[in-house]
Amino acid sequence: MTSPILLTGGTGTLGRHVLRRLRNAGHDVRVLSRHSHAPSDGVEFVTGDLDTGDGIDAAVAGVATIIHCAGSAKGDEDKARNLVRAASKAGVGHLVYISVVGAERIPVSGPLDNAMFGYFAAKRAAELVVAGSGLPYTTLRATQFYDLILTVVRALAKLPVMPAVIGFRFEPIDADEVAARLVELALGEPAGLVPDLAGPKVYPMADLIREYLHVTNRHRLIIPLWMPGTAARALRAGANLAPEHGTGHRTWEEFLAARRRTTRDRAGQSR
């Protein structure tokens, strides 16, 4: 029998895809969650809290590989520290971490930067914890997921006008494509920091908004917005992009069209 793969963040946007792919490949998975869940075929749920470290020793016991997808806008460094402390004691042989493109290039200083872009600083801090842990590790940086972009533009569409930050461009990627790469890395040898993963196209923020409005048949005035701060300056310079690693296949347009079809199918089934 082989040991299970421990997955943190297994109920989140990325983690759900990773879990499905691991199970489809025939691997037993142990999912760390703050809430209890009934076990399912090949999936064991363990209760633990990465913020406090409670339950983490039990979660990593008997595990050879960890895929660390759990994260938030702040506190990632503490989560990573509690995880690697337990993993080191348990002799885990491979820790796979998902970070974000630009984590090392986007400076975060001051209240505005922290409020808007603290995610990048949190991911960078966690990267350093993983790299300095002494554990064999692999870190993958990916660009923003389409799901996140969709959440943002949906919120903006509730306003009478939709602001688009001047100079901001994004190279978003489908979460399932990131999951496929993470699983590939987890099943291989520890490789340290691997090449970035990005979507197939770079979009100005206004273009992402316009396509959403087109697909959802909405009409809003888009107004340009200037954002100050050092982090915003770095984004205008493209620090969040990785066009040389744009190996993703699904585009924003295709993602939105698929979401639209799914919504229509569900509506039809509920009638």
Protein backbone atom coordinates (compact mmCIF):
# COMPACT_ATOMS: atom_id res chain seq x y z
CA MET A 1 0.00 0.00 0.00
CA THR A 2 1.20 3.50 -0.77
CA SER A 3 0.86 6.40 1.64
CA PRO A 4 -1.86 8.97 0.95
CA ILE A 5 -1.07 12.38 -0.48
CA LEU A 6 -1.99 15.17 1.92
CA LEU A 7 -3.85 18.04 0.26
CA THR A 8 -4.43 21.33 2.04
CA GLY A 9 -7.09 23.64 0.69
CA GLY A 10 -8.79 20.64 -0.88
CA THR A 11 -12.25 22.22 -0.76
CA GLY A 12 -11.17 25.46 -2.45
CA THR A 13 -11.19 26.56 -6.10
CA LEU A 14 -7.86 24.95 -6.96
CA GLY A 15 -7.98 22.16 -4.40
CA ARG A 16 -11.18 20.65 -5.77
CA HIS A 17 -9.52 20.23 -9.17
CA VAL A 18 -6.37 18.79 -7.61
CA LEU A 19 -8.42 16.32 -5.57
CA ARG A 20 -10.36 15.13 -8.61
CA ARG A 21 -7.21 14.66 -10.67
CA LEU A 22 -5.43 12.75 -7.90
CA ARG A 23 -8.39 10.43 -7.48
CA ASN A 24 -8.73 9.94 -11.25
CA ALA A 25 -5.07 8.88 -11.24
CA GLY A 26 -5.83 6.29 -8.56
CA HIS A 27 -4.17 7.97 -5.58
CA ASP A 28 -5.51 7.94 -2.04
CA VAL A 29 -5.85 11.47 -0.71
CA ARG A 30 -6.00 12.90 2.79
CA VAL A 31 -7.64 16.33 2.80
CA LEU A 32 -6.91 18.76 5.62
CA SER A 33 -9.94 20.84 6.56
CA ARG A 34 -10.96 23.03 9.48
CA HIS A 35 -14.36 21.33 9.41
CA SER A 36 -15.22 17.66 9.62
CA HIS A 37 -16.37 15.80 6.50
CA ALA A 38 -17.50 12.25 5.96
CA PRO A 39 -14.91 10.13 4.13
CA SER A 40 -15.56 9.13 0.54
CA ASP A 41 -14.02 6.57 -1.77
CA GLY A 42 -10.26 7.01 -1.54
CA VAL A 43 -10.55 10.35 0.28
CA GLU A 44 -9.94 10.78 4.00
CA PHE A 45 -10.73 14.11 5.67
CA VAL A 46 -8.76 15.18 8.73
CA THR A 47 -9.57 18.17 10.89
CA GLY A 48 -6.85 20.71 11.56
CA ASP A 49 -6.09 24.41 11.57
CA LEU A 50 -3.00 25.69 9.77
CA ASP A 51 -3.33 29.09 11.46
CA THR A 52 -2.87 27.62 14.93
CA GLY A 53 -1.14 24.33 14.12
CA ASP A 54 -3.86 22.32 15.85
CA GLY A 55 -4.23 18.85 14.35
CA ILE A 56 -1.41 19.25 11.84
CA ASP A 57 0.88 16.62 13.37
CA ALA A 58 -1.84 14.02 12.99
CA ALA A 59 -2.61 15.18 9.45
CA VAL A 60 0.96 14.67 8.19
CA ALA A 61 1.54 11.34 9.94
CA GLY A 62 2.39 8.62 7.43
CA VAL A 63 2.36 11.03 4.48
CA ALA A 64 5.18 11.13 1.91
CA THR A 65 3.90 14.03 -0.24
CA ILE A 66 1.99 17.21 0.59
CA ILE A 67 0.32 19.53 -1.91
CA HIS A 68 -0.20 22.84 -0.12
CA CYS A 69 -3.03 24.81 -1.73
CA ALA A 70 -4.51 26.46 1.37
CA GLY A 71 -4.04 30.21 1.39
CA SER A 72 -5.62 33.57 2.10
CA ALA A 73 -4.97 37.27 1.66
CA LYS A 74 -2.79 37.26 4.77
CA GLY A 75 -1.30 34.75 7.17
CA ASP A 76 0.16 32.44 4.52
CA GLU A 77 3.57 32.64 6.18
CA ASP A 78 2.17 31.34 9.47
CA LYS A 79 0.24 28.56 7.72
CA ALA A 80 3.36 27.47 5.88
CA ARG A 81 5.47 27.60 9.03
CA ASN A 82 3.06 25.39 10.99
CA LEU A 83 2.85 22.96 8.08
CA VAL A 84 6.59 22.61 7.47
CA ARG A 85 7.28 22.26 11.20
CA ALA A 86 4.97 19.25 11.38
CA ALA A 87 6.13 17.88 8.00
CA SER A 88 9.77 18.05 9.06
CA LYS A 89 9.10 16.09 12.24
CA ALA A 90 7.15 13.50 10.22
CA GLY A 91 9.89 13.11 7.59
CA VAL A 92 7.72 14.13 4.64
CA GLY A 93 9.67 13.63 1.42
CA HIS A 94 8.09 16.22 -0.88
CA LEU A 95 6.21 19.46 -0.26
CA VAL A 96 4.54 21.06 -3.29
CA TYR A 97 3.51 24.71 -2.90
CA ILE A 98 1.42 26.92 -5.18
CA SER A 99 2.41 30.57 -5.28
CA VAL A 100 1.65 33.49 -7.59
CA VAL A 101 3.56 35.03 -10.49
CA GLY A 102 5.07 38.32 -9.36
CA ALA A 103 5.40 37.36 -5.70
CA GLU A 104 9.07 38.33 -5.72
CA ARG A 105 8.65 41.35 -8.02
CA ILE A 106 5.72 43.26 -6.54
CA PRO A 107 6.74 45.41 -3.55
CA VAL A 108 4.03 45.84 -0.92
CA SER A 109 4.43 48.84 1.36
CA GLY A 110 1.95 51.14 3.02
CA PRO A 111 -1.75 50.73 3.85
CA LEU A 112 -3.03 50.89 0.26
CA ASP A 113 -0.54 48.33 -1.03
CA ASN A 114 -1.33 45.99 1.85
CA ALA A 115 -5.06 46.32 1.39
CA MET A 116 -5.01 45.76 -2.37
CA PHE A 117 -1.94 43.59 -2.97
CA GLY A 118 -1.05 42.00 0.35
CA TYR A 119 -1.69 38.62 -1.30
CA PHE A 120 1.59 38.89 -3.21
CA ALA A 121 3.59 39.64 -0.06
CA ALA A 122 1.89 36.79 1.80
CA LYS A 123 2.74 34.33 -0.95
CA ARG A 124 6.34 35.50 -1.09
CA ALA A 125 6.73 35.12 2.66
CA ALA A 126 5.34 31.57 2.47
CA GLU A 127 7.70 30.77 -0.41
CA LEU A 128 10.65 31.70 1.77
CA VAL A 129 9.37 29.53 4.62
CA VAL A 130 9.04 26.53 2.29
CA ALA A 131 12.45 27.09 0.66
CA GLY A 132 14.16 27.49 4.03
CA SER A 133 12.45 24.54 5.70
CA GLY A 134 15.03 21.92 4.77
CA LEU A 135 12.27 19.80 3.25
CA PRO A 136 12.54 18.61 -0.36
CA TYR A 137 10.11 20.95 -2.12
CA THR A 138 8.65 22.18 -5.38
CA THR A 139 7.16 25.66 -5.78
CA LEU A 140 5.02 26.62 -8.75
CA ARG A 141 3.99 30.21 -9.41
CA ALA A 142 0.82 30.69 -11.46
CA THR A 143 -1.04 33.75 -12.65
CA GLN A 144 -4.53 34.67 -11.41
CA PHE A 145 -7.30 32.12 -11.93
CA TYR A 146 -10.26 32.95 -14.15
CA ASP A 147 -12.49 32.27 -11.13
CA LEU A 148 -10.88 35.19 -9.28
CA ILE A 149 -11.21 37.51 -12.26
CA LEU A 150 -14.86 36.50 -12.58
CA THR A 151 -15.50 37.25 -8.91
CA VAL A 152 -13.98 40.71 -9.32
CA VAL A 153 -15.86 41.68 -12.50
CA ARG A 154 -19.15 40.36 -11.11
CA ALA A 155 -18.72 42.62 -8.09
CA LEU A 156 -17.83 45.59 -10.28
CA ALA A 157 -20.88 44.95 -12.47
CA LYS A 158 -23.11 45.69 -9.49
CA LEU A 159 -21.96 49.31 -9.70
CA PRO A 160 -23.55 51.84 -12.06
CA VAL A 161 -20.13 52.34 -13.68
CA MET A 162 -17.23 49.88 -13.77
CA PRO A 163 -13.73 51.15 -12.99
CA ALA A 164 -10.80 49.71 -14.94
CA VAL A 165 -7.39 50.49 -13.48
CA ILE A 166 -5.18 52.23 -16.03
CA GLY A 167 -2.23 50.14 -17.19
CA PHE A 168 -3.22 46.96 -15.37
CA ARG A 169 -2.93 43.80 -17.48
CA PHE A 170 -3.58 40.21 -16.52
CA GLU A 171 -2.65 36.83 -17.95
CA PRO A 172 -5.19 34.63 -16.16
CA ILE A 173 -5.31 30.86 -16.35
CA ASP A 174 -7.82 28.09 -15.85
CA ALA A 175 -7.59 26.56 -12.36
CA ASP A 176 -7.86 23.02 -13.71
CA GLU A 177 -4.78 23.54 -15.88
CA VAL A 178 -2.88 24.65 -12.79
CA ALA A 179 -4.17 21.58 -10.95
CA ALA A 180 -2.91 19.31 -13.72
CA ARG A 181 0.57 20.80 -13.42
CA LEU A 182 0.57 20.56 -9.62
CA VAL A 183 -0.36 16.89 -9.73
CA GLU A 184 2.36 16.26 -12.32
CA LEU A 185 4.90 17.96 -10.06
CA ALA A 186 3.71 16.16 -6.94
CA LEU A 187 4.13 12.78 -8.60
CA GLY A 188 7.67 13.68 -9.70
CA GLU A 189 10.85 14.46 -7.81
CA PRO A 190 11.28 17.67 -5.77
CA ALA A 191 12.47 20.38 -8.16
CA GLY A 192 12.67 23.61 -6.15
CA LEU A 193 11.29 26.67 -7.91
CA VAL A 194 9.96 25.56 -11.30
CA PRO A 195 9.06 27.71 -14.33
CA ASP A 196 5.97 29.87 -13.98
CA LEU A 197 2.59 28.89 -15.39
CA ALA A 198 0.41 31.46 -17.15
CA GLY A 199 -2.61 31.68 -19.39
CA PRO A 200 -2.48 31.94 -23.19
CA LYS A 201 -3.34 35.66 -23.50
CA VAL A 202 -2.54 38.96 -21.83
CA TYR A 203 -5.62 41.15 -21.31
CA PRO A 204 -5.91 44.79 -20.30
CA MET A 205 -8.31 45.00 -17.38
CA ALA A 206 -10.88 46.86 -19.50
CA ASP A 207 -10.94 44.01 -22.05
CA LEU A 208 -11.70 41.45 -19.34
CA ILE A 209 -14.63 43.62 -18.24
CA ARG A 210 -15.92 44.17 -21.77
CA GLU A 211 -15.97 40.44 -22.55
CA TYR A 212 -17.86 39.71 -19.35
CA LEU A 213 -20.43 42.37 -20.20
CA HIS A 214 -20.75 40.98 -23.71
CA VAL A 215 -21.28 37.38 -22.59
CA THR A 216 -23.79 38.35 -19.89
CA ASN A 217 -25.57 40.86 -22.15
CA ARG A 218 -25.04 43.73 -19.74
CA HIS A 219 -24.31 47.37 -20.40
CA ARG A 220 -22.11 49.46 -18.15
CA LEU A 221 -19.95 52.52 -18.60
CA ILE A 222 -16.28 51.64 -18.07
CA ILE A 223 -14.25 54.45 -16.56
CA PRO A 224 -10.44 54.56 -16.32
CA LEU A 225 -9.05 54.67 -12.78
CA TRP A 226 -5.53 55.60 -11.74
CA MET A 227 -4.13 53.68 -8.78
CA PRO A 228 -1.15 55.04 -6.82
CA GLY A 229 1.42 53.07 -4.86
CA THR A 230 4.55 51.03 -5.46
CA ALA A 231 2.67 47.78 -6.04
CA ALA A 232 0.41 49.38 -8.64
CA ARG A 233 3.50 50.76 -10.39
CA ALA A 234 4.95 47.25 -10.55
CA LEU A 235 1.73 45.86 -12.03
CA ARG A 236 1.69 48.58 -14.67
CA ALA A 237 5.21 47.42 -15.55
CA GLY A 238 3.95 43.85 -15.99
CA ALA A 239 5.41 42.28 -12.83
CA ASN A 240 2.38 39.98 -12.59
CA LEU A 241 2.83 38.62 -16.13
CA ALA A 242 4.81 35.71 -17.54
CA PRO A 243 4.20 35.76 -21.30
CA GLU A 244 7.22 33.53 -21.92
CA HIS A 245 5.44 30.85 -19.87
CA GLY A 246 1.95 31.31 -21.32
CA THR A 247 1.39 27.61 -21.84
CA GLY A 248 -2.23 27.53 -20.68
CA HIS A 249 -4.80 26.67 -23.34
CA ARG A 250 -8.20 27.90 -22.22
CA THR A 251 -8.91 31.58 -22.84
CA TRP A 252 -11.05 34.00 -20.84
CA GLU A 253 -13.60 33.96 -23.64
CA GLU A 254 -13.81 30.17 -23.55
CA PHE A 255 -14.04 30.13 -19.76
CA LEU A 256 -16.94 32.58 -19.75
CA ALA A 257 -18.76 30.71 -22.52
CA ALA A 258 -18.45 27.45 -20.59
CA ARG A 259 -19.75 29.08 -17.41
CA ARG A 260 -22.67 30.49 -19.37
CA ARG A 261 -23.55 27.07 -20.76
CA THR A 262 -23.35 25.49 -17.31
CA THR A 263 -25.67 28.14 -15.87
CA ARG A 264 -28.20 27.57 -18.64
CA ASP A 265 -28.05 23.79 -18.21
CA ARG A 266 -28.68 24.08 -14.47
CA ALA A 267 -31.57 26.46 -15.07
CA GLY A 268 -33.11 24.02 -17.53
CA GLN A 269 -32.76 21.08 -15.13
CA SER A 270 -34.46 23.00 -12.31
CA ARG A 271 -37.61 23.68 -14.32
